[in-house]
Amino acid sequence: MLTPTRLTATEASRNFAAVVERASRGERFTVVKNGQVVAQIAPPDAAAPNGAALSEYFAAWSGGAFDEQAAAAVAGLRGGGNRDFERLAWAGDYS
């Protein structure tokens, strides 16, 4: 993979249409403001997982649906503040 082209936020703003066009052709950009990286502009990655792909994977893997315990664990993690994941054998001790 090529190193992303670095742009200041001002450069990205002034040339946004051209940056998006170049990104659509595969180029990647790093946007910098006050010396700090603030954004990445890149073409969509077909290999990146998304919600639909994850749902299809689990449907195939689990025989069609999550069981109730798994669904509750996911809902708890999404809700924040729920530390049920600590009880999972693979999670280790995060207390």
C-alpha atoms as a PDB file:
ATOM      1  CA  MET A   1       0.000   0.000   0.000  1.00  0.00           C
ATOM      2  CA  LEU A   2       1.273   3.448  -0.856  1.00  0.00           C
ATOM      3  CA  THR A   3       1.870   6.080   1.796  1.00  0.00           C
ATOM      4  CA  PRO A   4      -1.140   8.431   1.994  1.00  0.00           C
ATOM      5  CA  THR A   5      -0.729  11.919   0.590  1.00  0.00           C
ATOM      6  CA  ARG A   6      -0.583  14.476   3.434  1.00  0.00           C
ATOM      7  CA  LEU A   7      -2.807  17.548   3.162  1.00  0.00           C
ATOM      8  CA  THR A   8      -3.490  20.380   5.544  1.00  0.00           C
ATOM      9  CA  ALA A   9      -7.131  20.866   6.484  1.00  0.00           C
ATOM     10  CA  THR A  10      -7.100  24.080   4.451  1.00  0.00           C
ATOM     11  CA  GLU A  11      -5.759  22.281   1.364  1.00  0.00           C
ATOM     12  CA  ALA A  12      -8.346  19.530   1.737  1.00  0.00           C
ATOM     13  CA  SER A  13     -11.128  22.092   2.111  1.00  0.00           C
ATOM     14  CA  ARG A  14     -10.072  24.179  -0.887  1.00  0.00           C
ATOM     15  CA  ASN A  15      -9.639  21.117  -3.118  1.00  0.00           C
ATOM     16  CA  PHE A  16     -12.304  18.829  -1.677  1.00  0.00           C
ATOM     17  CA  ALA A  17     -13.932  17.826  -4.987  1.00  0.00           C
ATOM     18  CA  ALA A  18     -10.545  16.892  -6.475  1.00  0.00           C
ATOM     19  CA  VAL A  19      -9.515  14.998  -3.329  1.00  0.00           C
ATOM     20  CA  VAL A  20     -12.749  12.986  -3.390  1.00  0.00           C
ATOM     21  CA  GLU A  21     -12.297  12.248  -7.095  1.00  0.00           C
ATOM     22  CA  ARG A  22      -8.737  11.037  -6.514  1.00  0.00           C
ATOM     23  CA  ALA A  23      -9.886   8.943  -3.540  1.00  0.00           C
ATOM     24  CA  SER A  24     -12.530   7.339  -5.745  1.00  0.00           C
ATOM     25  CA  ARG A  25      -9.662   6.172  -7.954  1.00  0.00           C
ATOM     26  CA  GLY A  26      -7.821   4.551  -5.041  1.00  0.00           C
ATOM     27  CA  GLU A  27      -5.670   7.308  -3.561  1.00  0.00           C
ATOM     28  CA  ARG A  28      -5.524   7.784   0.219  1.00  0.00           C
ATOM     29  CA  PHE A  29      -5.075  11.063   2.090  1.00  0.00           C
ATOM     30  CA  THR A  30      -4.086  12.063   5.607  1.00  0.00           C
ATOM     31  CA  VAL A  31      -5.485  15.432   6.698  1.00  0.00           C
ATOM     32  CA  VAL A  32      -3.421  17.412   9.216  1.00  0.00           C
ATOM     33  CA  LYS A  33      -4.483  20.417  11.298  1.00  0.00           C
ATOM     34  CA  ASN A  34      -2.022  22.237  13.571  1.00  0.00           C
ATOM     35  CA  GLY A  35       0.444  19.396  13.077  1.00  0.00           C
ATOM     36  CA  GLN A  36      -2.008  16.699  14.241  1.00  0.00           C
ATOM     37  CA  VAL A  37      -3.657  14.072  12.039  1.00  0.00           C
ATOM     38  CA  VAL A  38      -7.379  14.820  12.148  1.00  0.00           C
ATOM     39  CA  ALA A  39      -8.813  12.710   9.319  1.00  0.00           C
ATOM     40  CA  GLN A  40      -8.217  10.059   6.711  1.00  0.00           C
ATOM     41  CA  ILE A  41      -9.847  10.186   3.285  1.00  0.00           C
ATOM     42  CA  ALA A  42      -9.767   6.928   1.374  1.00  0.00           C
ATOM     43  CA  PRO A  43     -11.811   4.821  -0.998  1.00  0.00           C
ATOM     44  CA  PRO A  44     -14.217   2.368   0.605  1.00  0.00           C
ATOM     45  CA  ASP A  45     -12.520  -0.899   1.467  1.00  0.00           C
ATOM     46  CA  ALA A  46     -14.522  -3.830   0.131  1.00  0.00           C
ATOM     47  CA  ALA A  47     -12.740  -6.116   2.598  1.00  0.00           C
ATOM     48  CA  ALA A  48     -13.704  -4.013   5.639  1.00  0.00           C
ATOM     49  CA  PRO A  49     -16.389  -5.698   7.713  1.00  0.00           C
ATOM     50  CA  ASN A  50     -19.720  -3.963   8.131  1.00  0.00           C
ATOM     51  CA  GLY A  51     -22.885  -4.707  10.050  1.00  0.00           C
ATOM     52  CA  ALA A  52     -24.526  -6.640   7.222  1.00  0.00           C
ATOM     53  CA  ALA A  53     -21.443  -8.789   6.659  1.00  0.00           C
ATOM     54  CA  LEU A  54     -21.132  -9.493  10.370  1.00  0.00           C
ATOM     55  CA  SER A  55     -24.796 -10.431  10.608  1.00  0.00           C
ATOM     56  CA  GLU A  56     -24.452 -12.824   7.653  1.00  0.00           C
ATOM     57  CA  TYR A  57     -21.365 -14.399   9.215  1.00  0.00           C
ATOM     58  CA  PHE A  58     -23.063 -15.033  12.535  1.00  0.00           C
ATOM     59  CA  ALA A  59     -26.223 -16.307  10.849  1.00  0.00           C
ATOM     60  CA  ALA A  60     -24.168 -18.900   8.966  1.00  0.00           C
ATOM     61  CA  TRP A  61     -21.975 -19.724  11.954  1.00  0.00           C
ATOM     62  CA  SER A  62     -24.697 -20.067  14.567  1.00  0.00           C
ATOM     63  CA  GLY A  63     -27.265 -21.875  12.494  1.00  0.00           C
ATOM     64  CA  GLY A  64     -29.457 -18.858  11.824  1.00  0.00           C
ATOM     65  CA  ALA A  65     -29.472 -16.622  14.912  1.00  0.00           C
ATOM     66  CA  PHE A  66     -27.676 -15.634  18.065  1.00  0.00           C
ATOM     67  CA  ASP A  67     -28.794 -17.432  21.155  1.00  0.00           C
ATOM     68  CA  GLU A  68     -30.437 -15.280  23.840  1.00  0.00           C
ATOM     69  CA  GLN A  69     -27.336 -15.122  26.038  1.00  0.00           C
ATOM     70  CA  ALA A  70     -25.133 -13.876  23.193  1.00  0.00           C
ATOM     71  CA  ALA A  71     -27.750 -11.323  22.122  1.00  0.00           C
ATOM     72  CA  ALA A  72     -28.006 -10.028  25.703  1.00  0.00           C
ATOM     73  CA  ALA A  73     -24.215  -9.751  25.981  1.00  0.00           C
ATOM     74  CA  VAL A  74     -23.999  -7.741  22.747  1.00  0.00           C
ATOM     75  CA  ALA A  75     -26.862  -5.485  23.845  1.00  0.00           C
ATOM     76  CA  GLY A  76     -25.148  -4.920  27.185  1.00  0.00           C
ATOM     77  CA  LEU A  77     -21.855  -3.994  25.573  1.00  0.00           C
ATOM     78  CA  ARG A  78     -23.581  -1.583  23.209  1.00  0.00           C
ATOM     79  CA  GLY A  79     -25.381   0.043  26.146  1.00  0.00           C
ATOM     80  CA  GLY A  80     -22.115   0.877  27.906  1.00  0.00           C
ATOM     81  CA  GLY A  81     -21.496   0.603  31.600  1.00  0.00           C
ATOM     82  CA  ASN A  82     -22.236  -3.119  31.558  1.00  0.00           C
ATOM     83  CA  ARG A  83     -19.250  -5.197  32.583  1.00  0.00           C
ATOM     84  CA  ASP A  84     -20.791  -8.619  31.798  1.00  0.00           C
ATOM     85  CA  PHE A  85     -17.995  -9.241  29.320  1.00  0.00           C
ATOM     86  CA  GLU A  86     -15.669  -9.816  32.283  1.00  0.00           C
ATOM     87  CA  ARG A  87     -17.432 -13.095  33.017  1.00  0.00           C
ATOM     88  CA  LEU A  88     -16.657 -14.496  29.575  1.00  0.00           C
ATOM     89  CA  ALA A  89     -13.866 -17.065  29.706  1.00  0.00           C
ATOM     90  CA  TRP A  90     -11.920 -15.502  26.841  1.00  0.00           C
ATOM     91  CA  ALA A  91     -12.131 -11.951  28.190  1.00  0.00           C
ATOM     92  CA  GLY A  92      -9.772 -12.327  31.144  1.00  0.00           C
ATOM     93  CA  ASP A  93      -9.993 -10.251  34.289  1.00  0.00           C
ATOM     94  CA  TYR A  94     -10.596  -6.545  33.611  1.00  0.00           C
ATOM     95  CA  SER A  95     -11.726  -5.616  37.120  1.00  0.00           C
END
